[in-house]
């Protein structure tokens, strides 16, 4: 065993030295330095892998030491990312928001520094208990981790690359950004979350698994921008692009830290929070740990995401190809809930502006409620045309049921229910008002529908219009009786 401890001591010598350096209060400014944190993280990662390879997870003696290494690995990683965000905050060009981010991040940095110091102190103590000696530990020159203040910047003399069709990449990028909103919906109620509920919020509502899935998609957005738009003439010409890139990067780093903290909470805190040794190991109180995770990382990432939504829509509308399409209304009861929801989802999926026109009246079809208003206009038009037909053909004298059946035979009305009970509608009305009110009631209650080939016009983002036309060609997802039918594969995003 002594040989084993000698080998571990040899492998641990650099990490041991960095921990001793960390717990020296005179070196605080050097510890809060990304170069130092990168070195600390590298050594902790190497030691964690070494300990796992010899089975430290299953050893009563070595497991606490291994947990101490994991704590240093986590807090060095997150502190590195927080310093990156802090140093880059101005360059991100984030849309101004009335918040306390800049003061909050200072407090978080202090808490993270304290956590690294405590984790380092714990590791040194556990190393001694495990028989790890400090032979070979060399003193570290703090100047090795001094910030470098360059007095000059290199001249910007590289030629910008030209992109022939930047709109395609730009629109795709902004659309993908907007389509991440449903993935972040789990964060939108955080302002109403009480601190007493933080311990159950992770992992019941938000988990490491869910966060990692979203993190990958934001990383993809970063990569997409850097591959197709960075250092280009369009980036230089349109200042909004760097603002969008800044929001993507900020959200990515905040999300990454939230994911790392959630991982640590689920893996290391929840299973062992009753452990005696763990209470002395945890470098930061659990409540403060969760407060940083939720009230800092999660709250601010969703706040700046919401702030960038309008920017994305502006970018899309600037570069989108505008078109016009005229389609028939849904065959079953017009724009009721399902067709309205599908049309709105198409428009919101692409993010570009689309307007809808019925009888030269303009509507906003991006919200189902507005389409319900359209349906009222359509139903009013249907009733008007039907009443004109009834009176021009002398059918107004027929009893209500006979009239409806006659109109159905003439393919002017569809009967969905033969229950024509009016519940007292129109008992005291004139004959003309009784007829109008009765048919209006049957139409509104879904017992009949008036068949009429009414067209509506959409103008706006061609991508949305193409899918709306495809949707209309497939009955808006319904047959003539209102039963759901499969949607075309091109509308795959409805299945998300």
Protein backbone atom coordinates (compact mmCIF):
# COMPACT_ATOMS: atom_id res chain seq x y z
CA UNK A 1 0.00 0.00 0.00
CA UNK A 2 2.93 2.34 0.71
CA UNK A 3 4.07 1.94 -2.90
CA UNK A 4 0.55 2.80 -4.07
CA UNK A 5 0.49 5.94 -1.93
CA UNK A 6 3.90 6.95 -3.23
CA UNK A 7 2.62 6.63 -6.81
CA UNK A 8 -0.54 8.62 -6.04
CA UNK A 9 1.57 11.26 -4.27
CA UNK A 10 3.73 11.59 -7.37
CA UNK A 11 0.66 12.05 -9.58
CA UNK A 12 -0.92 14.45 -7.09
CA UNK A 13 2.09 16.70 -6.56
CA UNK A 14 0.95 19.45 -8.97
CA UNK A 15 -2.64 19.47 -7.69
CA UNK A 16 -1.36 19.50 -4.11
CA UNK A 17 0.80 22.53 -4.86
CA UNK A 18 -2.05 24.38 -6.56
CA UNK A 19 -4.31 23.73 -3.56
CA UNK A 20 -1.69 25.11 -1.16
CA UNK A 21 -1.40 28.16 -3.42
CA UNK A 22 -5.19 28.60 -3.45
CA UNK A 23 -5.65 28.67 0.32
CA UNK A 24 -3.11 31.48 0.71
CA UNK A 25 -5.32 34.62 1.06
CA UNK A 26 -2.56 36.78 -0.41
CA UNK A 27 -3.01 35.04 -3.76
CA UNK A 28 -6.73 35.68 -4.23
CA UNK A 29 -6.33 37.78 -7.38
CA UNK A 30 -4.17 35.06 -8.93
CA UNK A 31 -6.69 32.34 -8.08
CA UNK A 32 -9.45 34.35 -9.78
CA UNK A 33 -7.53 34.12 -13.01
CA UNK A 34 -8.53 31.92 -15.92
CA UNK A 35 -4.99 30.73 -16.54
CA UNK A 36 -4.74 29.49 -12.95
CA UNK A 37 -8.23 27.99 -13.01
CA UNK A 38 -7.45 26.19 -16.26
CA UNK A 39 -4.35 24.63 -14.68
CA UNK A 40 -6.26 23.70 -11.52
CA UNK A 41 -9.04 22.11 -13.55
CA UNK A 42 -6.61 20.15 -15.70
CA UNK A 43 -4.85 18.67 -12.66
CA UNK A 44 -8.15 17.89 -10.90
CA UNK A 45 -9.48 16.17 -14.03
CA UNK A 46 -6.33 14.08 -14.34
CA UNK A 47 -6.41 13.10 -10.67
CA UNK A 48 -10.13 12.21 -10.82
CA UNK A 49 -9.51 9.89 -13.77
CA UNK A 50 -6.52 8.34 -12.00
CA UNK A 51 -8.51 7.69 -8.82
CA UNK A 52 -11.41 6.20 -10.79
CA UNK A 53 -9.03 3.85 -12.60
CA UNK A 54 -7.93 2.32 -9.28
CA UNK A 55 -11.45 2.07 -7.82
CA UNK A 56 -11.48 5.03 -5.41
CA UNK A 57 -15.26 5.25 -5.75
CA UNK A 58 -15.59 1.96 -3.86
CA UNK A 59 -13.03 2.68 -1.14
CA UNK A 60 -14.09 4.01 2.28
CA UNK A 61 -10.65 5.56 2.71
CA UNK A 62 -10.25 7.12 -0.72
CA UNK A 63 -13.81 8.05 -1.68
CA UNK A 64 -13.87 11.30 0.38
CA UNK A 65 -10.59 12.36 -1.26
CA UNK A 66 -12.04 11.59 -4.67
CA UNK A 67 -15.12 13.72 -3.85
CA UNK A 68 -12.84 16.58 -2.87
CA UNK A 69 -11.12 16.36 -6.26
CA UNK A 70 -14.55 16.42 -7.96
CA UNK A 71 -15.48 19.58 -6.06
CA UNK A 72 -12.31 21.34 -7.21
CA UNK A 73 -12.94 20.20 -10.77
CA UNK A 74 -16.50 21.57 -10.72
CA UNK A 75 -15.83 24.92 -9.07
CA UNK A 76 -12.74 25.63 -11.16
CA UNK A 77 -14.78 24.94 -14.32
CA UNK A 78 -17.73 27.13 -13.33
CA UNK A 79 -15.53 29.94 -12.00
CA UNK A 80 -13.59 29.92 -15.28
CA UNK A 81 -16.84 30.33 -17.23
CA UNK A 82 -18.15 33.04 -14.90
CA UNK A 83 -14.91 35.00 -15.33
CA UNK A 84 -15.25 34.60 -19.08
CA UNK A 85 -18.79 36.02 -18.97
CA UNK A 86 -17.67 38.85 -16.70
CA UNK A 87 -14.74 39.79 -18.94
CA UNK A 88 -16.82 39.53 -22.13
CA UNK A 89 -20.00 41.16 -20.86
CA UNK A 90 -19.39 44.51 -22.59
CA UNK A 91 -18.38 42.82 -25.84
CA UNK A 92 -21.57 40.75 -25.88
CA UNK A 93 -23.50 43.99 -26.58
CA UNK A 94 -26.52 42.59 -24.75
CA UNK A 95 -29.77 44.47 -25.07
CA UNK A 96 -30.08 46.71 -22.03
CA UNK A 97 -32.18 45.40 -19.20
CA UNK A 98 -33.08 46.94 -15.86
CA UNK A 99 -31.43 44.32 -13.66
CA UNK A 100 -28.61 43.83 -11.17
CA UNK A 101 -26.50 41.45 -13.23
CA UNK A 102 -23.20 43.30 -12.87
CA UNK A 103 -23.46 43.50 -9.07
CA UNK A 104 -24.82 39.94 -8.84
CA UNK A 105 -21.91 38.48 -10.79
CA UNK A 106 -19.43 40.16 -8.42
CA UNK A 107 -21.08 38.43 -5.48
CA UNK A 108 -21.13 35.10 -7.33
CA UNK A 109 -17.41 35.41 -8.06
CA UNK A 110 -16.74 35.93 -4.35
CA UNK A 111 -18.83 32.88 -3.44
CA UNK A 112 -17.05 30.75 -6.03
CA UNK A 113 -13.65 31.88 -4.79
CA UNK A 114 -14.61 30.95 -1.23
CA UNK A 115 -15.81 27.56 -2.49
CA UNK A 116 -12.52 26.85 -4.27
CA UNK A 117 -10.55 27.82 -1.16
CA UNK A 118 -12.67 25.57 1.05
CA UNK A 119 -12.47 22.67 -1.41
CA UNK A 120 -8.68 23.07 -1.63
CA UNK A 121 -8.32 23.18 2.15
CA UNK A 122 -10.46 20.05 2.46
CA UNK A 123 -8.41 18.24 -0.18
CA UNK A 124 -5.12 19.00 1.56
CA UNK A 125 -6.51 17.60 4.83
CA UNK A 126 -7.89 14.46 3.14
CA UNK A 127 -4.60 13.96 1.31
CA UNK A 128 -2.75 13.82 4.63
CA UNK A 129 -5.31 11.35 6.05
CA UNK A 130 -4.82 9.12 3.01
CA UNK A 131 -1.05 9.21 3.44
CA UNK A 132 -0.35 11.37 0.41
CA UNK A 133 2.90 13.18 1.10
CA UNK A 134 3.96 16.60 -0.14
CA UNK A 135 7.45 15.62 -1.27
CA UNK A 136 8.29 17.29 -4.53
CA UNK A 137 5.71 20.05 -4.16
CA UNK A 138 7.33 23.17 -5.53
CA UNK A 139 6.45 26.72 -4.64
CA UNK A 140 4.51 28.54 -7.34
CA UNK A 141 5.48 31.97 -8.58
CA UNK A 142 2.24 34.01 -8.48
CA UNK A 143 3.46 36.13 -11.38
CA UNK A 144 2.94 33.06 -13.55
CA UNK A 145 -0.78 33.78 -13.23
CA UNK A 146 -0.74 37.54 -13.54
CA UNK A 147 -3.15 39.18 -15.95
CA UNK A 148 -1.44 40.31 -19.12
CA UNK A 149 -2.31 43.87 -20.06
CA UNK A 150 -1.32 44.37 -23.69
CA UNK A 151 -0.79 48.02 -24.51
CA UNK A 152 -1.60 47.58 -28.19
CA UNK A 153 -4.02 45.70 -30.39
CA UNK A 154 -3.02 44.04 -33.60
CA UNK A 155 -4.07 45.84 -36.75
CA UNK A 156 -7.22 44.50 -38.34
CA UNK A 157 -6.03 43.94 -41.88
CA UNK A 158 -7.59 40.63 -42.94
CA UNK A 159 -10.04 40.94 -45.80
CA UNK A 160 -13.64 40.22 -44.89
CA UNK A 161 -15.06 37.22 -46.68
CA UNK A 162 -17.97 37.80 -49.01
CA UNK A 163 -21.15 35.75 -48.62
CA UNK A 164 -23.35 35.59 -51.72
CA UNK A 165 -26.60 34.71 -49.97
CA UNK A 166 -26.26 35.61 -46.28
CA UNK A 167 -30.01 35.87 -45.79
CA UNK A 168 -30.46 32.11 -45.89
CA UNK A 169 -28.02 31.47 -43.02
CA UNK A 170 -29.20 34.50 -41.08
CA UNK A 171 -32.85 33.57 -41.27
CA UNK A 172 -32.10 29.98 -40.32
CA UNK A 173 -30.00 31.10 -37.33
CA UNK A 174 -32.63 33.53 -36.03
CA UNK A 175 -35.41 30.99 -36.58
CA UNK A 176 -33.52 28.29 -34.69
CA UNK A 177 -32.94 30.75 -31.84
CA UNK A 178 -36.66 31.49 -31.59
CA UNK A 179 -37.50 27.79 -31.76
CA UNK A 180 -35.55 27.21 -28.56
CA UNK A 181 -38.18 29.13 -26.61
CA UNK A 182 -40.32 26.03 -25.90
CA UNK A 183 -37.19 24.27 -24.62
CA UNK A 184 -36.65 27.12 -22.16
CA UNK A 185 -40.28 27.26 -21.04
CA UNK A 186 -39.30 25.41 -17.86
CA UNK A 187 -37.44 28.57 -16.77
CA UNK A 188 -40.26 31.06 -17.27
CA UNK A 189 -41.91 30.61 -13.86
CA UNK A 190 -38.71 31.10 -11.89
CA UNK A 191 -39.75 34.58 -10.73
CA UNK A 192 -42.65 32.98 -8.85
CA UNK A 193 -40.54 30.16 -7.40
CA UNK A 194 -39.96 30.47 -3.66
CA UNK A 195 -36.50 29.75 -2.29
CA UNK A 196 -38.02 27.12 -0.03
CA UNK A 197 -38.91 25.17 -3.19
CA UNK A 198 -35.43 25.31 -4.75
CA UNK A 199 -34.41 21.91 -3.38
CA UNK A 200 -37.27 20.19 -5.21
CA UNK A 201 -37.01 22.26 -8.39
CA UNK A 202 -33.87 20.32 -9.31
CA UNK A 203 -34.25 17.62 -10.55
CA UNK A 204 -38.08 17.46 -10.51
CA UNK A 205 -38.70 20.41 -12.86
CA UNK A 206 -35.25 21.04 -14.30
CA UNK A 207 -32.63 18.34 -14.53
CA UNK A 208 -29.10 17.95 -15.82
CA UNK A 209 -30.46 15.82 -18.67
CA UNK A 210 -32.91 18.50 -19.84
CA UNK A 211 -30.30 21.23 -19.57
CA UNK A 212 -27.71 19.31 -21.58
CA UNK A 213 -30.15 18.82 -24.46
CA UNK A 214 -30.74 22.59 -24.66
CA UNK A 215 -27.04 23.32 -24.17
CA UNK A 216 -26.14 21.30 -27.27
CA UNK A 217 -28.58 23.29 -29.38
CA UNK A 218 -27.14 26.63 -28.23
CA UNK A 219 -23.66 25.32 -28.94
CA UNK A 220 -24.87 24.48 -32.44
CA UNK A 221 -26.08 28.07 -32.87
CA UNK A 222 -22.64 29.36 -31.91
CA UNK A 223 -21.00 27.03 -34.40
CA UNK A 224 -23.49 27.93 -37.14
CA UNK A 225 -22.79 31.64 -36.72
CA UNK A 226 -19.01 31.25 -36.61
CA UNK A 227 -18.97 28.98 -39.66
CA UNK A 228 -21.30 30.90 -41.96
CA UNK A 229 -21.44 34.52 -40.76
CA UNK A 230 -18.39 35.41 -38.68
CA UNK A 231 -15.74 37.69 -40.24
CA UNK A 232 -17.96 38.39 -43.23
CA UNK A 233 -19.00 41.54 -45.05
CA UNK A 234 -22.61 41.10 -43.89
CA UNK A 235 -21.48 40.93 -40.26
CA UNK A 236 -19.62 44.20 -40.75
CA UNK A 237 -22.55 45.86 -42.52
CA UNK A 238 -25.32 44.78 -40.13
CA UNK A 239 -24.53 45.59 -36.49
CA UNK A 240 -27.43 43.43 -35.27
CA UNK A 241 -25.52 40.26 -36.10
CA UNK A 242 -22.85 40.70 -33.42
CA UNK A 243 -25.56 41.56 -30.92
CA UNK A 244 -27.31 38.30 -31.74
CA UNK A 245 -24.01 36.41 -31.50
CA UNK A 246 -23.40 38.01 -28.11
CA UNK A 247 -26.76 36.82 -26.79
CA UNK A 248 -26.14 33.30 -28.06
CA UNK A 249 -22.72 33.18 -26.39
CA UNK A 250 -23.94 34.67 -23.10
CA UNK A 251 -26.85 32.23 -22.87
CA UNK A 252 -24.60 29.30 -23.79
CA UNK A 253 -22.10 30.03 -20.99
CA UNK A 254 -24.80 30.67 -18.39
CA UNK A 255 -26.57 27.48 -19.46
CA UNK A 256 -23.31 25.53 -19.31
CA UNK A 257 -22.70 26.65 -15.72
CA UNK A 258 -26.30 25.87 -14.76
CA UNK A 259 -25.84 22.41 -16.26
CA UNK A 260 -22.57 21.82 -14.39
CA UNK A 261 -24.13 22.90 -11.09
CA UNK A 262 -27.22 20.76 -11.70
CA UNK A 263 -24.97 17.78 -12.41
CA UNK A 264 -23.09 18.32 -9.16
CA UNK A 265 -26.31 18.73 -7.20
CA UNK A 266 -27.87 15.56 -8.60
CA UNK A 267 -24.71 13.45 -8.54
CA UNK A 268 -22.89 14.62 -5.43
CA UNK A 269 -25.26 16.53 -3.14
CA UNK A 270 -28.68 14.84 -3.28
CA UNK A 271 -27.47 11.24 -2.73
CA UNK A 272 -25.07 12.20 0.09
CA UNK A 273 -26.55 15.23 1.82
CA UNK A 274 -27.06 13.23 5.03
CA UNK A 275 -23.48 11.95 5.02
CA UNK A 276 -21.32 13.15 7.92
CA UNK A 277 -18.20 13.62 5.83
CA UNK A 278 -20.11 15.43 3.09
CA UNK A 279 -21.27 18.18 5.44
CA UNK A 280 -17.62 19.08 5.96
CA UNK A 281 -16.79 18.72 2.26
CA UNK A 282 -19.50 20.86 0.63
CA UNK A 283 -17.62 24.05 -0.27
CA UNK A 284 -20.75 26.22 -0.27
CA UNK A 285 -24.06 26.03 1.65
CA UNK A 286 -26.68 24.08 -0.29
CA UNK A 287 -29.20 26.93 -0.27
CA UNK A 288 -26.66 29.38 -1.70
CA UNK A 289 -25.53 26.77 -4.23
CA UNK A 290 -29.12 26.44 -5.49
CA UNK A 291 -29.66 30.20 -5.38
CA UNK A 292 -26.71 30.72 -7.72
CA UNK A 293 -27.93 27.91 -9.98
CA UNK A 294 -31.51 29.15 -10.24
CA UNK A 295 -31.62 32.87 -9.38
CA UNK A 296 -28.39 33.72 -11.19
CA UNK A 297 -27.61 31.32 -14.02
CA UNK A 298 -31.16 30.34 -14.99
CA UNK A 299 -32.97 33.64 -14.36
CA UNK A 300 -30.47 35.74 -16.29
CA UNK A 301 -30.16 33.39 -19.24
CA UNK A 302 -33.94 33.43 -19.79
CA UNK A 303 -34.11 37.21 -19.27
CA UNK A 304 -31.58 37.87 -22.02
CA UNK A 305 -33.16 35.23 -24.25
CA UNK A 306 -36.49 37.05 -23.99
CA UNK A 307 -34.71 40.32 -24.73
CA UNK A 308 -33.31 38.94 -27.99
CA UNK A 309 -36.64 37.68 -29.36
CA UNK A 310 -37.58 40.98 -31.01
CA UNK A 311 -34.06 41.27 -32.44
CA UNK A 312 -34.44 37.85 -34.09
CA UNK A 313 -37.81 38.75 -35.59
CA UNK A 314 -36.39 42.02 -36.91
CA UNK A 315 -33.50 40.15 -38.54
CA UNK A 316 -35.86 37.62 -40.10
CA UNK A 317 -38.18 40.32 -41.45
CA UNK A 318 -35.20 42.20 -42.92
CA UNK A 319 -33.90 39.23 -44.89
CA UNK A 320 -37.01 37.10 -45.49
CA UNK A 321 -38.40 36.68 -48.98
CA UNK A 322 -41.92 38.10 -49.02
CA UNK A 323 -44.70 36.32 -50.85
CA UNK A 324 -48.46 36.06 -51.14
CA UNK A 325 -50.77 33.06 -51.14
CA UNK A 326 -54.54 32.63 -51.28
CA UNK A 327 -56.04 29.49 -49.75
CA UNK A 328 -59.44 28.09 -48.86
CA UNK A 329 -60.62 28.16 -45.26
CA UNK A 330 -60.63 24.88 -43.26
CA UNK A 331 -63.46 22.63 -44.48
CA UNK A 332 -64.72 21.76 -41.01
CA UNK A 333 -66.09 24.78 -39.15
CA UNK A 334 -63.44 27.16 -40.45
CA UNK A 335 -60.68 28.40 -38.18
CA UNK A 336 -61.66 26.67 -34.97
CA UNK A 337 -59.10 25.53 -32.38
CA UNK A 338 -56.99 22.96 -34.26
CA UNK A 339 -56.57 24.76 -37.63
CA UNK A 340 -55.96 28.08 -35.86
CA UNK A 341 -53.31 26.54 -33.63
CA UNK A 342 -51.55 24.91 -36.58
CA UNK A 343 -51.47 28.10 -38.65
CA UNK A 344 -50.15 30.10 -35.69
CA UNK A 345 -47.52 27.47 -34.97
CA UNK A 346 -46.23 27.64 -38.54
CA UNK A 347 -45.82 31.41 -38.33
CA UNK A 348 -44.19 31.31 -34.91
CA UNK A 349 -41.89 28.48 -35.97
CA UNK A 350 -40.35 30.59 -38.74
CA UNK A 351 -40.58 33.87 -36.82
CA UNK A 352 -41.20 36.13 -39.83
CA UNK A 353 -44.11 38.54 -40.09
CA UNK A 354 -47.25 37.27 -41.81
CA UNK A 355 -50.51 39.16 -42.31
CA UNK A 356 -53.89 37.70 -43.17
CA UNK A 357 -56.68 39.38 -45.13
CA UNK A 358 -60.38 38.51 -45.12
CA UNK A 359 -62.70 40.83 -47.06
CA UNK A 360 -59.83 43.36 -47.18
CA UNK A 361 -59.65 43.38 -43.36
CA UNK A 362 -56.16 42.71 -41.97
CA UNK A 363 -55.51 40.23 -39.14
CA UNK A 364 -52.48 38.91 -37.26
CA UNK A 365 -52.56 35.11 -37.73
CA UNK A 366 -49.64 34.46 -35.38
CA UNK A 367 -52.07 34.08 -32.46
CA UNK A 368 -54.98 31.60 -32.38
CA UNK A 369 -57.23 34.17 -30.70
CA UNK A 370 -56.91 36.46 -33.70
CA UNK A 371 -57.88 33.58 -35.97
CA UNK A 372 -60.95 32.97 -33.83
CA UNK A 373 -61.90 36.56 -34.67
CA UNK A 374 -61.38 35.72 -38.33
CA UNK A 375 -63.73 32.79 -37.91
CA UNK A 376 -66.43 35.11 -36.59
CA UNK A 377 -66.03 37.26 -39.71
CA UNK A 378 -66.21 34.16 -41.89
CA UNK A 379 -69.30 32.85 -40.11
CA UNK A 380 -70.99 36.23 -40.49
CA UNK A 381 -70.24 36.10 -44.22
CA UNK A 382 -71.58 32.55 -44.43
CA UNK A 383 -74.82 33.50 -42.67
CA UNK A 384 -75.31 36.52 -44.89
CA UNK A 385 -74.88 34.52 -48.10
CA UNK A 386 -77.13 31.72 -46.82
CA UNK A 387 -79.93 34.07 -45.77
CA UNK A 388 -79.77 35.78 -49.16
CA UNK A 389 -80.18 32.38 -50.81
CA UNK A 390 -83.08 31.37 -48.52
CA UNK A 391 -85.06 34.55 -49.16
CA UNK A 392 -84.27 34.77 -52.87
CA UNK A 393 -85.54 31.20 -53.33
CA UNK A 394 -88.66 31.54 -51.15
CA UNK A 395 -87.54 29.01 -48.56
CA UNK A 396 -88.10 31.19 -45.50
CA UNK A 397 -91.54 29.69 -44.85
CA UNK A 398 -90.21 26.18 -44.22
CA UNK A 399 -90.11 24.76 -40.72
CA UNK A 400 -86.52 24.95 -39.37
CA UNK A 401 -85.68 21.24 -39.62
CA UNK A 402 -87.16 20.98 -43.11
CA UNK A 403 -85.24 24.07 -44.18
CA UNK A 404 -81.92 22.67 -42.93
CA UNK A 405 -82.54 19.32 -44.60
CA UNK A 406 -83.49 21.06 -47.86
CA UNK A 407 -80.31 23.15 -47.78
CA UNK A 408 -78.27 20.02 -47.05
CA UNK A 409 -79.73 18.27 -50.10
CA UNK A 410 -78.72 21.28 -52.17
CA UNK A 411 -75.16 20.88 -50.78
CA UNK A 412 -75.30 24.26 -49.05
CA UNK A 413 -75.27 22.97 -45.47
CA UNK A 414 -73.50 20.12 -43.67
CA UNK A 415 -75.43 18.50 -40.81
CA UNK A 416 -73.27 17.22 -37.95
CA UNK A 417 -76.13 16.58 -35.51
CA UNK A 418 -79.87 16.08 -36.05
CA UNK A 419 -80.59 17.53 -32.62
CA UNK A 420 -82.07 20.90 -33.50
CA UNK A 421 -83.16 21.75 -29.95
CA UNK A 422 -82.78 25.54 -29.65
CA UNK A 423 -83.01 25.85 -25.87
CA UNK A 424 -85.58 28.63 -26.07
CA UNK A 425 -83.72 30.63 -28.74
CA UNK A 426 -85.97 33.11 -30.56
CA UNK A 427 -89.32 32.21 -28.94
CA UNK A 428 -90.41 35.84 -28.91
CA UNK A 429 -88.69 36.90 -32.15
CA UNK A 430 -90.27 37.81 -35.43
CA UNK A 431 -90.22 35.10 -38.09
CA UNK A 432 -87.23 36.67 -39.80
CA UNK A 433 -85.25 37.12 -36.57
CA UNK A 434 -86.21 33.62 -35.43
CA UNK A 435 -84.75 32.13 -38.61
CA UNK A 436 -81.52 34.12 -38.34
CA UNK A 437 -81.06 33.45 -34.62
CA UNK A 438 -81.83 29.74 -34.98
CA UNK A 439 -79.35 29.17 -37.79
CA UNK A 440 -76.74 31.26 -35.99
CA UNK A 441 -77.21 29.13 -32.87
CA UNK A 442 -76.92 25.83 -34.76
CA UNK A 443 -73.82 27.10 -36.54
CA UNK A 444 -72.14 28.34 -33.36
CA UNK A 445 -72.92 25.11 -31.48
CA UNK A 446 -71.36 22.99 -34.23
CA UNK A 447 -74.56 21.18 -35.19
CA UNK A 448 -74.39 22.46 -38.76
CA UNK A 449 -71.95 24.24 -41.01
CA UNK A 450 -72.60 26.38 -44.05
CA UNK A 451 -70.68 25.17 -47.09
CA UNK A 452 -69.00 28.00 -48.91
CA UNK A 453 -65.67 28.21 -50.70
CA UNK A 454 -64.27 31.25 -48.93
CA UNK A 455 -60.70 32.29 -49.68
CA UNK A 456 -58.30 34.08 -47.36
CA UNK A 457 -55.04 35.75 -48.32
CA UNK A 458 -51.72 35.57 -46.48
CA UNK A 459 -48.83 37.98 -47.16
CA UNK A 460 -45.40 37.67 -45.56
CA UNK A 461 -42.47 35.31 -45.03
CA UNK A 462 -42.53 32.85 -47.94
CA UNK A 463 -41.39 29.98 -45.74
CA UNK A 464 -44.52 30.32 -43.61
CA UNK A 465 -46.74 30.79 -46.65
CA UNK A 466 -45.43 27.62 -48.31
CA UNK A 467 -46.26 25.58 -45.23
CA UNK A 468 -49.66 27.24 -44.78
CA UNK A 469 -50.50 26.35 -48.37
CA UNK A 470 -49.35 22.77 -47.78
CA UNK A 471 -51.46 22.65 -44.61
CA UNK A 472 -54.53 23.91 -46.47
CA UNK A 473 -54.03 21.30 -49.19
CA UNK A 474 -54.19 18.68 -46.44
CA UNK A 475 -57.41 19.92 -44.87
CA UNK A 476 -55.62 21.77 -42.07
CA UNK A 477 -55.05 18.38 -40.45
CA UNK A 478 -58.74 17.37 -40.48
CA UNK A 479 -61.23 15.61 -42.71
CA UNK A 480 -64.62 17.16 -43.53
CA UNK A 481 -66.07 15.80 -40.28
CA UNK A 482 -63.34 17.26 -38.06
CA UNK A 483 -61.40 14.03 -37.49
CA UNK A 484 -57.62 14.41 -37.26
CA UNK A 485 -55.64 13.18 -40.24
CA UNK A 486 -51.84 12.79 -40.59
CA UNK A 487 -49.90 15.90 -41.54
CA UNK A 488 -47.28 15.93 -44.32
CA UNK A 489 -43.73 15.00 -43.30
CA UNK A 490 -42.52 18.50 -44.22
CA UNK A 491 -44.46 19.82 -41.22
CA UNK A 492 -42.28 17.73 -38.90
CA UNK A 493 -42.00 20.47 -36.30
CA UNK A 494 -45.62 19.91 -35.24
CA UNK A 495 -44.48 16.63 -33.72
CA UNK A 496 -41.94 18.27 -31.40
